[in-house]
Amino acid sequence: MHDIFSNKKAIIFDMDGVIIDNISYHIEALKIFLKQFGKEVTEEEFQNHYNGRTIQEVILDLKPGADPKEVMRLAEEKEKIYRDLYSQDLAPTPGLMEFLPKAKKAGLKMAVATSAITANADFTLDGLNIREYFDAVIDSTMVIKGKPDPQIYIKAAEQLNISPENCVVMEDALAGIQSAKSAGMDVIGLYTSLKKEELPNGLLMKIKDFNELNKNE
């Protein structure tokens, strides 16, 4: 394992833009979904207002006061559009399939902490056949507050029974990075959905994909 993990006990992975490089599919799905509300979204608007947030929060912005059942119905509708678009192209971020067994062999606990709904987490982890590597999976239906609130990362650390300062988070979104840092965790940033220079300072590393962690040992 890369020596950056030498004093850590756990790795917590965001999913979209980290485990899979799929942000363009989410943008396209959101464009299709928002048409029924007479709204459009650009890539810049997606990064500024949507990336890292839960779809439930996005829907409540569109329909303030909507009841929970209506929110989840619309969330499922949007995410089904995404899964239909991405199903034929589902693939791990380069280097991930080599990295996961190395991390497990090194004795690091691993968790997923995603703003996605349960169906999307299942679609990804089972579709890639990587669920066995993770000791915990936290999705947006298991927290009250989404990223940038730290709740999801705190919950992941609790489920791993590892203190936040001993966790490294893999993130690509600004909201997710803020969430992890607010939880007291170090962050490795992937520049999949953002450009390298758009990732904030103060990260352990900025990487294009997991190959950079596999080769720098």
Protein backbone atom coordinates (compact mmCIF):
# COMPACT_ATOMS: atom_id res chain seq x y z
CA MET A 1 0.00 0.00 0.00
CA HIS A 2 1.01 3.60 -0.60
CA ASP A 3 2.71 4.97 2.52
CA ILE A 4 0.11 7.73 2.75
CA PHE A 5 -2.07 5.13 4.49
CA SER A 6 0.63 3.99 6.92
CA ASN A 7 -0.84 5.77 9.95
CA LYS A 8 -4.49 5.18 9.04
CA LYS A 9 -6.89 2.39 9.91
CA ALA A 10 -9.75 2.92 7.45
CA ILE A 11 -10.63 4.24 4.02
CA ILE A 12 -14.10 5.66 3.36
CA PHE A 13 -15.09 5.97 -0.30
CA ASP A 14 -17.58 8.30 -1.84
CA MET A 15 -19.19 6.40 -4.72
CA ASP A 16 -20.13 8.60 -7.70
CA GLY A 17 -16.98 10.09 -9.19
CA VAL A 18 -14.76 7.88 -7.02
CA ILE A 19 -15.64 4.19 -7.29
CA ILE A 20 -17.12 4.92 -10.71
CA ASP A 21 -16.43 7.86 -13.03
CA ASN A 22 -20.04 8.54 -13.90
CA ILE A 23 -20.77 12.23 -13.37
CA SER A 24 -21.57 12.90 -17.05
CA TYR A 25 -24.36 10.29 -16.83
CA HIS A 26 -25.82 11.96 -13.74
CA ILE A 27 -25.79 15.32 -15.50
CA GLU A 28 -27.62 13.87 -18.52
CA ALA A 29 -30.15 12.08 -16.27
CA LEU A 30 -30.79 15.28 -14.33
CA LYS A 31 -31.34 17.22 -17.55
CA ILE A 32 -33.98 14.69 -18.63
CA PHE A 33 -35.59 14.63 -15.17
CA LEU A 34 -35.75 18.43 -14.78
CA LYS A 35 -37.64 18.91 -18.04
CA GLN A 36 -40.91 18.04 -16.26
CA PHE A 37 -40.28 21.03 -13.97
CA GLY A 38 -39.42 23.35 -16.85
CA LYS A 39 -35.82 23.63 -15.69
CA GLU A 40 -32.46 23.15 -17.34
CA VAL A 41 -29.02 22.52 -15.85
CA THR A 42 -25.54 23.20 -17.18
CA GLU A 43 -22.42 21.31 -16.12
CA GLU A 44 -21.29 24.36 -14.11
CA GLU A 45 -24.64 24.54 -12.32
CA PHE A 46 -24.44 20.81 -11.58
CA GLN A 47 -21.04 21.23 -9.93
CA ASN A 48 -22.14 24.29 -7.95
CA HIS A 49 -25.59 23.16 -6.83
CA TYR A 50 -26.08 19.42 -7.28
CA ASN A 51 -22.84 17.41 -7.11
CA GLY A 52 -22.49 15.76 -3.71
CA ARG A 53 -26.02 16.60 -2.57
CA THR A 54 -28.73 13.98 -2.24
CA ILE A 55 -31.42 13.80 -4.90
CA GLN A 56 -33.95 14.08 -2.06
CA GLU A 57 -32.61 17.55 -1.23
CA VAL A 58 -32.69 18.54 -4.88
CA ILE A 59 -36.34 17.47 -5.15
CA LEU A 60 -37.29 19.41 -2.02
CA ASP A 61 -35.79 22.50 -3.65
CA LEU A 62 -38.03 21.85 -6.65
CA LYS A 63 -41.12 20.94 -4.59
CA PRO A 64 -40.87 22.54 -1.13
CA GLY A 65 -43.06 20.78 1.40
CA ALA A 66 -43.45 17.60 -0.64
CA ASP A 67 -44.23 14.61 1.57
CA PRO A 68 -41.54 11.92 2.01
CA LYS A 69 -43.32 9.38 -0.20
CA GLU A 70 -43.53 11.87 -3.08
CA VAL A 71 -39.88 12.81 -2.61
CA MET A 72 -38.74 9.18 -2.78
CA ARG A 73 -41.01 8.46 -5.77
CA LEU A 74 -39.37 11.30 -7.70
CA ALA A 75 -35.91 10.31 -6.46
CA GLU A 76 -36.43 6.79 -7.75
CA GLU A 77 -37.69 8.20 -11.06
CA LYS A 78 -34.57 10.32 -11.58
CA GLU A 79 -32.17 7.57 -10.50
CA LYS A 80 -33.82 5.00 -12.78
CA ILE A 81 -33.12 7.36 -15.69
CA TYR A 82 -29.48 7.46 -14.58
CA ARG A 83 -29.19 3.68 -14.19
CA ASP A 84 -30.77 3.09 -17.61
CA LEU A 85 -28.25 5.50 -19.17
CA TYR A 86 -25.22 4.03 -17.39
CA SER A 87 -26.08 0.32 -17.19
CA GLN A 88 -24.23 -0.63 -20.38
CA ASP A 89 -21.16 1.43 -19.43
CA LEU A 90 -20.83 0.58 -15.72
CA ALA A 91 -17.12 0.28 -14.99
CA PRO A 92 -14.77 0.89 -12.05
CA THR A 93 -12.53 3.93 -11.94
CA PRO A 94 -9.13 2.87 -13.35
CA GLY A 95 -6.97 1.10 -10.78
CA LEU A 96 -9.78 0.46 -8.32
CA MET A 97 -9.92 -3.32 -8.81
CA GLU A 98 -6.21 -3.56 -8.02
CA PHE A 99 -6.41 -1.12 -5.11
CA LEU A 100 -9.25 -2.75 -3.15
CA PRO A 101 -7.58 -6.14 -2.52
CA LYS A 102 -4.33 -4.37 -1.60
CA ALA A 103 -6.15 -2.25 0.96
CA LYS A 104 -7.92 -5.28 2.39
CA LYS A 105 -4.67 -7.24 2.60
CA ALA A 106 -3.08 -4.30 4.42
CA GLY A 107 -5.73 -4.63 7.11
CA LEU A 108 -7.53 -1.38 6.37
CA LYS A 109 -11.25 -1.31 7.05
CA MET A 110 -13.32 0.12 4.21
CA ALA A 111 -16.72 1.75 3.88
CA VAL A 112 -18.82 3.51 1.26
CA ALA A 113 -20.50 6.80 2.17
CA THR A 114 -22.60 7.97 -0.75
CA SER A 115 -25.22 10.64 -1.39
CA ALA A 116 -26.93 8.14 -3.69
CA ILE A 117 -30.07 6.20 -2.83
CA THR A 118 -29.93 2.51 -1.91
CA ALA A 119 -30.85 1.29 -5.40
CA ASN A 120 -27.88 3.12 -6.90
CA ALA A 121 -25.48 1.77 -4.28
CA ASP A 122 -26.73 -1.76 -4.99
CA PHE A 123 -26.49 -1.15 -8.75
CA THR A 124 -22.84 -0.11 -8.40
CA LEU A 125 -21.46 -2.42 -5.71
CA ASP A 126 -23.22 -5.54 -6.95
CA GLY A 127 -22.78 -4.64 -10.61
CA LEU A 128 -19.01 -4.40 -10.10
CA ASN A 129 -19.03 -7.36 -7.67
CA ILE A 130 -17.07 -5.40 -5.02
CA ARG A 131 -19.44 -5.40 -2.04
CA GLU A 132 -17.24 -7.97 -0.24
CA TYR A 133 -14.52 -5.38 0.27
CA PHE A 134 -16.65 -3.02 2.33
CA ASP A 135 -17.35 -3.37 6.04
CA ALA A 136 -20.14 -0.77 5.89
CA VAL A 137 -22.25 0.97 3.23
CA ILE A 138 -24.00 4.23 4.15
CA ASP A 139 -26.34 5.82 1.61
CA SER A 140 -28.55 8.91 1.64
CA THR A 141 -31.57 7.06 3.05
CA MET A 142 -29.62 6.38 6.26
CA VAL A 143 -28.89 10.00 7.21
CA ILE A 144 -30.99 13.05 7.90
CA LYS A 145 -28.56 15.63 6.54
CA GLY A 146 -26.66 15.16 3.29
CA LYS A 147 -23.20 16.43 2.36
CA PRO A 148 -21.68 18.97 3.06
CA ASP A 149 -22.97 18.13 6.54
CA PRO A 150 -20.51 15.68 8.16
CA GLN A 151 -23.21 13.27 9.36
CA ILE A 152 -22.64 10.59 6.71
CA TYR A 153 -18.89 10.36 7.33
CA ILE A 154 -19.31 10.36 11.09
CA LYS A 155 -21.83 7.53 10.73
CA ALA A 156 -19.46 5.57 8.51
CA ALA A 157 -16.63 5.89 11.04
CA GLU A 158 -18.97 4.79 13.82
CA GLN A 159 -20.01 1.70 11.86
CA LEU A 160 -16.35 0.85 11.26
CA ASN A 161 -15.58 1.55 14.93
CA ILE A 162 -12.65 3.73 13.84
CA SER A 163 -12.04 7.28 15.08
CA PRO A 164 -12.33 10.02 12.41
CA GLU A 165 -8.66 11.02 12.63
CA ASN A 166 -7.72 7.46 11.63
CA CYS A 167 -9.88 7.56 8.47
CA VAL A 168 -8.95 8.68 4.96
CA VAL A 169 -11.80 9.74 2.69
CA MET A 170 -11.74 9.41 -1.10
CA GLU A 171 -13.83 12.23 -2.59
CA ASP A 172 -14.37 14.09 -5.83
CA ALA A 173 -17.03 16.69 -4.95
CA LEU A 174 -16.59 19.95 -3.08
CA ALA A 175 -19.58 19.21 -0.84
CA GLY A 176 -18.16 15.79 -0.03
CA ILE A 177 -14.70 17.17 0.75
CA GLN A 178 -16.25 19.72 3.10
CA SER A 179 -18.31 16.94 4.71
CA ALA A 180 -15.26 14.77 5.34
CA LYS A 181 -13.12 17.60 6.66
CA SER A 182 -15.91 18.73 8.97
CA ALA A 183 -15.99 15.16 10.29
CA GLY A 184 -12.30 15.49 11.18
CA MET A 185 -10.96 13.26 8.41
CA ASP A 186 -8.12 13.60 5.91
CA VAL A 187 -9.10 13.57 2.26
CA ILE A 188 -7.62 12.33 -1.01
CA GLY A 189 -9.28 14.17 -3.89
CA LEU A 190 -10.01 12.59 -7.26
CA TYR A 191 -10.27 15.00 -10.16
CA THR A 192 -12.92 13.11 -12.08
CA SER A 193 -15.85 15.54 -11.95
CA LEU A 194 -13.69 18.63 -11.39
CA LYS A 195 -10.36 19.78 -12.81
CA LYS A 196 -7.31 19.22 -10.61
CA GLU A 197 -6.93 22.94 -9.97
CA GLU A 198 -10.58 23.18 -8.90
CA LEU A 199 -10.02 20.81 -5.98
CA PRO A 200 -9.26 22.75 -2.77
CA ASN A 201 -5.90 22.95 -1.03
CA GLY A 202 -5.31 21.03 2.17
CA LEU A 203 -5.84 17.54 0.74
CA LEU A 204 -3.46 14.65 1.33
CA MET A 205 -3.22 14.10 -2.42
CA LYS A 206 -4.94 14.97 -5.67
CA ILE A 207 -5.16 11.97 -7.99
CA LYS A 208 -6.66 11.24 -11.40
CA ASP A 209 -7.50 7.63 -10.47
CA PHE A 210 -6.36 4.74 -8.29
CA ASN A 211 -3.46 3.86 -10.57
CA GLU A 212 -1.55 6.69 -8.89
CA LEU A 213 -1.92 4.95 -5.54
CA ASN A 214 -1.06 1.55 -7.00
CA LYS A 215 2.19 2.64 -8.66
CA ASN A 216 3.54 4.96 -5.95
CA GLU A 217 4.38 2.37 -3.34
